[in-house]
N, C-alpha and C. Protein backbone atom coordinates (compact mmCIF):
# COMPACT_ATOMS: atom_id res chain seq x y z
N MET A 1 10.30 9.91 -4.44
CA MET A 1 9.74 9.13 -3.34
C MET A 1 8.28 9.51 -3.09
N LEU A 2 7.99 10.82 -3.04
CA LEU A 2 6.61 11.23 -2.80
C LEU A 2 5.68 10.82 -3.94
N ASP A 3 6.23 10.77 -5.16
CA ASP A 3 5.41 10.31 -6.29
C ASP A 3 4.99 8.86 -6.09
N THR A 4 5.91 8.03 -5.62
CA THR A 4 5.61 6.62 -5.36
C THR A 4 4.57 6.49 -4.26
N ILE A 5 4.73 7.26 -3.18
CA ILE A 5 3.77 7.23 -2.07
C ILE A 5 2.40 7.68 -2.55
N SER A 6 2.35 8.75 -3.33
CA SER A 6 1.08 9.25 -3.85
C SER A 6 0.38 8.19 -4.69
N ARG A 7 1.13 7.55 -5.57
CA ARG A 7 0.56 6.52 -6.44
C ARG A 7 0.07 5.32 -5.63
N MET A 8 0.86 4.92 -4.64
CA MET A 8 0.47 3.77 -3.81
C MET A 8 -0.83 4.06 -3.05
N ILE A 9 -0.94 5.25 -2.51
CA ILE A 9 -2.14 5.62 -1.76
C ILE A 9 -3.35 5.61 -2.69
N ARG A 10 -3.22 6.22 -3.85
CA ARG A 10 -4.33 6.25 -4.81
C ARG A 10 -4.70 4.85 -5.28
N ASP A 11 -3.70 4.06 -5.67
CA ASP A 11 -3.96 2.71 -6.18
C ASP A 11 -4.60 1.82 -5.12
N ARG A 12 -4.11 1.89 -3.90
CA ARG A 12 -4.66 1.06 -2.81
C ARG A 12 -6.09 1.50 -2.49
N ARG A 13 -6.32 2.81 -2.45
CA ARG A 13 -7.67 3.32 -2.17
C ARG A 13 -8.64 2.79 -3.22
N LYS A 14 -8.26 2.89 -4.48
CA LYS A 14 -9.14 2.42 -5.55
C LYS A 14 -9.33 0.91 -5.49
N ALA A 15 -8.27 0.18 -5.19
CA ALA A 15 -8.38 -1.29 -5.11
C ALA A 15 -9.34 -1.71 -4.00
N LEU A 16 -9.38 -0.93 -2.92
CA LEU A 16 -10.29 -1.23 -1.82
C LEU A 16 -11.70 -0.71 -2.09
N GLY A 17 -11.87 0.04 -3.15
CA GLY A 17 -13.18 0.59 -3.49
C GLY A 17 -13.57 1.79 -2.65
N PHE A 18 -12.59 2.45 -2.04
CA PHE A 18 -12.86 3.64 -1.22
C PHE A 18 -12.91 4.87 -2.12
N THR A 19 -13.80 5.77 -1.78
CA THR A 19 -13.75 7.10 -2.38
C THR A 19 -12.74 7.92 -1.58
N ILE A 20 -12.38 9.06 -2.13
CA ILE A 20 -11.48 9.95 -1.39
C ILE A 20 -12.14 10.35 -0.08
N GLU A 21 -13.44 10.60 -0.12
CA GLU A 21 -14.17 10.98 1.10
C GLU A 21 -14.08 9.89 2.16
N GLU A 22 -14.25 8.63 1.75
CA GLU A 22 -14.20 7.53 2.69
C GLU A 22 -12.81 7.38 3.31
N LEU A 23 -11.77 7.51 2.49
CA LEU A 23 -10.42 7.43 3.03
C LEU A 23 -10.15 8.60 3.97
N ALA A 24 -10.62 9.76 3.61
CA ALA A 24 -10.44 10.93 4.47
C ALA A 24 -11.09 10.68 5.83
N GLU A 25 -12.30 10.15 5.83
CA GLU A 25 -13.00 9.88 7.08
C GLU A 25 -12.28 8.81 7.91
N LYS A 26 -11.88 7.73 7.26
CA LYS A 26 -11.22 6.62 7.97
C LYS A 26 -9.87 7.03 8.55
N SER A 27 -9.21 7.99 7.91
CA SER A 27 -7.88 8.39 8.36
C SER A 27 -7.87 9.67 9.18
N GLY A 28 -9.04 10.28 9.35
CA GLY A 28 -9.11 11.53 10.10
C GLY A 28 -8.49 12.70 9.35
N SER A 29 -8.58 12.64 8.04
CA SER A 29 -8.02 13.69 7.19
C SER A 29 -9.15 14.40 6.45
N SER A 30 -8.80 15.46 5.75
CA SER A 30 -9.80 16.15 4.94
C SER A 30 -9.77 15.61 3.52
N TYR A 31 -10.88 15.78 2.82
CA TYR A 31 -10.97 15.38 1.42
C TYR A 31 -9.87 16.06 0.61
N SER A 32 -9.72 17.37 0.80
CA SER A 32 -8.74 18.12 0.01
C SER A 32 -7.32 17.65 0.28
N PHE A 33 -7.02 17.27 1.52
CA PHE A 33 -5.68 16.80 1.86
C PHE A 33 -5.38 15.48 1.14
N ILE A 34 -6.31 14.54 1.20
CA ILE A 34 -6.12 13.25 0.51
C ILE A 34 -5.99 13.49 -0.99
N SER A 35 -6.82 14.34 -1.53
CA SER A 35 -6.77 14.64 -2.95
C SER A 35 -5.42 15.23 -3.34
N ARG A 36 -4.91 16.14 -2.54
CA ARG A 36 -3.61 16.76 -2.82
C ARG A 36 -2.48 15.73 -2.71
N ILE A 37 -2.57 14.83 -1.74
CA ILE A 37 -1.55 13.77 -1.61
C ILE A 37 -1.55 12.91 -2.87
N GLU A 38 -2.72 12.49 -3.29
CA GLU A 38 -2.82 11.62 -4.47
C GLU A 38 -2.33 12.29 -5.74
N ARG A 39 -2.45 13.60 -5.81
CA ARG A 39 -1.95 14.34 -6.97
C ARG A 39 -0.48 14.69 -6.83
N GLY A 40 0.12 14.34 -5.70
CA GLY A 40 1.54 14.62 -5.48
C GLY A 40 1.83 16.07 -5.18
N GLU A 41 0.86 16.77 -4.61
CA GLU A 41 1.00 18.19 -4.34
C GLU A 41 1.36 18.52 -2.90
N VAL A 42 1.63 17.50 -2.10
CA VAL A 42 1.98 17.73 -0.70
C VAL A 42 3.48 17.50 -0.54
N ASP A 43 4.18 18.55 -0.16
CA ASP A 43 5.63 18.45 0.01
C ASP A 43 6.03 18.12 1.45
N ASN A 44 5.19 18.50 2.39
CA ASN A 44 5.52 18.34 3.80
C ASN A 44 4.44 17.50 4.46
N LEU A 45 4.68 16.21 4.57
CA LEU A 45 3.70 15.28 5.12
C LEU A 45 4.21 14.74 6.44
N LYS A 46 3.49 15.00 7.51
CA LYS A 46 3.91 14.51 8.82
C LYS A 46 3.73 13.00 8.90
N LEU A 47 4.68 12.35 9.56
CA LEU A 47 4.64 10.89 9.67
C LEU A 47 3.38 10.40 10.36
N LYS A 48 2.90 11.10 11.35
CA LYS A 48 1.68 10.69 12.07
C LYS A 48 0.50 10.66 11.11
N LYS A 49 0.36 11.69 10.29
CA LYS A 49 -0.76 11.75 9.35
C LYS A 49 -0.60 10.68 8.28
N LEU A 50 0.62 10.49 7.79
CA LEU A 50 0.87 9.43 6.81
C LEU A 50 0.54 8.06 7.40
N ASN A 51 0.92 7.85 8.64
CA ASN A 51 0.63 6.59 9.31
C ASN A 51 -0.89 6.37 9.43
N ASP A 52 -1.63 7.41 9.73
CA ASP A 52 -3.10 7.30 9.83
C ASP A 52 -3.70 6.88 8.48
N ILE A 53 -3.18 7.46 7.40
CA ILE A 53 -3.68 7.13 6.06
C ILE A 53 -3.31 5.70 5.69
N VAL A 54 -2.08 5.34 5.95
CA VAL A 54 -1.60 3.99 5.64
C VAL A 54 -2.40 2.94 6.41
N ASN A 55 -2.64 3.19 7.69
CA ASN A 55 -3.43 2.26 8.50
C ASN A 55 -4.85 2.12 7.96
N ALA A 56 -5.44 3.23 7.54
CA ALA A 56 -6.80 3.19 6.99
C ALA A 56 -6.85 2.36 5.71
N LEU A 57 -5.71 2.26 5.03
CA LEU A 57 -5.63 1.47 3.79
C LEU A 57 -5.19 0.03 4.04
N GLY A 58 -4.95 -0.31 5.30
CA GLY A 58 -4.53 -1.68 5.62
C GLY A 58 -3.10 -1.96 5.23
N LEU A 59 -2.28 -0.92 5.14
CA LEU A 59 -0.87 -1.08 4.80
C LEU A 59 -0.02 -0.82 6.03
N LYS A 60 1.29 -1.01 5.87
CA LYS A 60 2.26 -0.69 6.91
C LYS A 60 3.15 0.42 6.37
N MET A 61 3.69 1.21 7.26
CA MET A 61 4.59 2.29 6.83
C MET A 61 5.72 1.73 5.98
N SER A 62 6.23 0.56 6.35
CA SER A 62 7.35 -0.02 5.61
C SER A 62 6.99 -0.30 4.15
N ASP A 63 5.69 -0.49 3.86
CA ASP A 63 5.27 -0.74 2.48
C ASP A 63 5.60 0.44 1.56
N LEU A 64 5.67 1.62 2.15
CA LEU A 64 5.92 2.82 1.36
C LEU A 64 7.39 2.97 0.97
N PHE A 65 8.24 2.18 1.60
CA PHE A 65 9.67 2.37 1.41
C PHE A 65 10.36 1.14 0.82
N VAL A 66 9.60 0.34 0.09
CA VAL A 66 10.17 -0.81 -0.59
C VAL A 66 10.57 -0.40 -2.00
N ASP A 67 11.23 -1.28 -2.69
CA ASP A 67 11.61 -1.05 -4.08
C ASP A 67 10.37 -0.61 -4.87
N PRO A 68 10.43 0.52 -5.58
CA PRO A 68 9.26 1.00 -6.32
C PRO A 68 8.67 -0.03 -7.29
N ASP A 69 9.48 -0.98 -7.76
CA ASP A 69 8.96 -2.01 -8.65
C ASP A 69 8.09 -3.02 -7.92
N LEU A 70 8.09 -2.98 -6.59
CA LEU A 70 7.32 -3.94 -5.79
C LEU A 70 6.14 -3.29 -5.07
N THR A 71 5.71 -2.12 -5.52
CA THR A 71 4.70 -1.38 -4.78
C THR A 71 3.29 -1.52 -5.36
N GLY A 72 3.10 -2.37 -6.32
CA GLY A 72 1.76 -2.57 -6.86
C GLY A 72 0.84 -3.17 -5.81
N VAL A 73 -0.43 -2.89 -5.93
CA VAL A 73 -1.42 -3.35 -4.95
C VAL A 73 -1.39 -4.86 -4.79
N GLN A 74 -1.39 -5.60 -5.89
CA GLN A 74 -1.40 -7.06 -5.82
C GLN A 74 -0.07 -7.60 -5.32
N THR A 75 1.02 -6.95 -5.71
CA THR A 75 2.35 -7.38 -5.25
C THR A 75 2.44 -7.25 -3.74
N LEU A 76 1.99 -6.12 -3.20
CA LEU A 76 2.01 -5.93 -1.74
C LEU A 76 1.11 -6.94 -1.04
N GLU A 77 -0.04 -7.22 -1.64
CA GLU A 77 -0.96 -8.21 -1.06
C GLU A 77 -0.28 -9.58 -0.97
N LEU A 78 0.41 -9.97 -2.03
CA LEU A 78 1.12 -11.24 -2.04
C LEU A 78 2.25 -11.25 -1.01
N MET A 79 2.99 -10.17 -0.92
CA MET A 79 4.09 -10.10 0.05
C MET A 79 3.55 -10.19 1.48
N HIS A 80 2.43 -9.53 1.76
CA HIS A 80 1.82 -9.61 3.09
C HIS A 80 1.36 -11.03 3.40
N TYR A 81 0.77 -11.68 2.40
CA TYR A 81 0.32 -13.05 2.59
C TYR A 81 1.50 -13.95 2.92
N LEU A 82 2.56 -13.85 2.13
CA LEU A 82 3.74 -14.69 2.35
C LEU A 82 4.38 -14.40 3.70
N ALA A 83 4.41 -13.15 4.09
CA ALA A 83 5.05 -12.77 5.35
C ALA A 83 4.33 -13.36 6.57
N LYS A 84 3.04 -13.61 6.44
CA LYS A 84 2.26 -14.15 7.55
C LYS A 84 2.44 -15.66 7.72
N LEU A 85 2.97 -16.31 6.70
CA LEU A 85 3.13 -17.76 6.76
C LEU A 85 4.36 -18.15 7.58
N PRO A 86 4.32 -19.33 8.21
CA PRO A 86 5.54 -19.85 8.84
C PRO A 86 6.59 -20.10 7.76
N ASN A 87 7.85 -20.06 8.14
CA ASN A 87 8.95 -20.18 7.17
C ASN A 87 8.81 -21.37 6.24
N ASP A 88 8.54 -22.55 6.80
CA ASP A 88 8.46 -23.74 5.95
C ASP A 88 7.30 -23.65 4.95
N LYS A 89 6.18 -23.15 5.40
CA LYS A 89 5.01 -23.01 4.51
C LYS A 89 5.28 -21.93 3.46
N ARG A 90 5.95 -20.84 3.85
CA ARG A 90 6.29 -19.77 2.92
C ARG A 90 7.15 -20.30 1.77
N GLU A 91 8.13 -21.12 2.12
CA GLU A 91 9.01 -21.70 1.09
C GLU A 91 8.23 -22.64 0.18
N GLU A 92 7.31 -23.39 0.75
CA GLU A 92 6.48 -24.31 -0.04
C GLU A 92 5.60 -23.54 -1.03
N VAL A 93 4.96 -22.49 -0.54
CA VAL A 93 4.10 -21.67 -1.40
C VAL A 93 4.93 -20.99 -2.48
N ALA A 94 6.08 -20.43 -2.10
CA ALA A 94 6.96 -19.76 -3.07
C ALA A 94 7.41 -20.74 -4.15
N SER A 95 7.77 -21.94 -3.74
CA SER A 95 8.20 -22.96 -4.70
C SER A 95 7.07 -23.29 -5.67
N THR A 96 5.87 -23.46 -5.16
CA THR A 96 4.72 -23.77 -6.00
C THR A 96 4.42 -22.63 -6.97
N LEU A 97 4.46 -21.40 -6.48
CA LEU A 97 4.23 -20.25 -7.35
C LEU A 97 5.26 -20.17 -8.47
N LEU A 98 6.50 -20.40 -8.13
CA LEU A 98 7.57 -20.37 -9.14
C LEU A 98 7.37 -21.46 -10.18
N LYS A 99 6.92 -22.63 -9.77
CA LYS A 99 6.64 -23.70 -10.73
C LYS A 99 5.52 -23.28 -11.69
N VAL A 100 4.48 -22.67 -11.15
CA VAL A 100 3.36 -22.22 -11.98
C VAL A 100 3.83 -21.13 -12.95
N ILE A 101 4.63 -20.22 -12.46
CA ILE A 101 5.13 -19.13 -13.31
C ILE A 101 5.98 -19.66 -14.45
N ASN A 102 6.75 -20.67 -14.18
CA ASN A 102 7.68 -21.20 -15.18
C ASN A 102 7.07 -22.26 -16.09
N LEU A 103 5.76 -22.46 -16.02
CA LEU A 103 5.10 -23.44 -16.91
C LEU A 103 5.17 -23.01 -18.35
């Protein structure tokens, strides 16, 4: 689980173009702490600190606990987009995407 969280934090940070220093500043953490998290070297991570990091990355805590196959940066972006749509529009967009995928 921590490996998945570490990878998600690193991948999202890079996708946003943040340096470790920038993420540390935005989340109120130290450079070394963020670096250790990304390397998977932190065994005891407080939820408050994790929440600060996740918020700085524009994610939700729940994003960290989804199926590991759905944790890619673009996959999460698409899921967030779909989640913001009204139900009828979400189904319409999903249907269109599936048609494009199956071409």
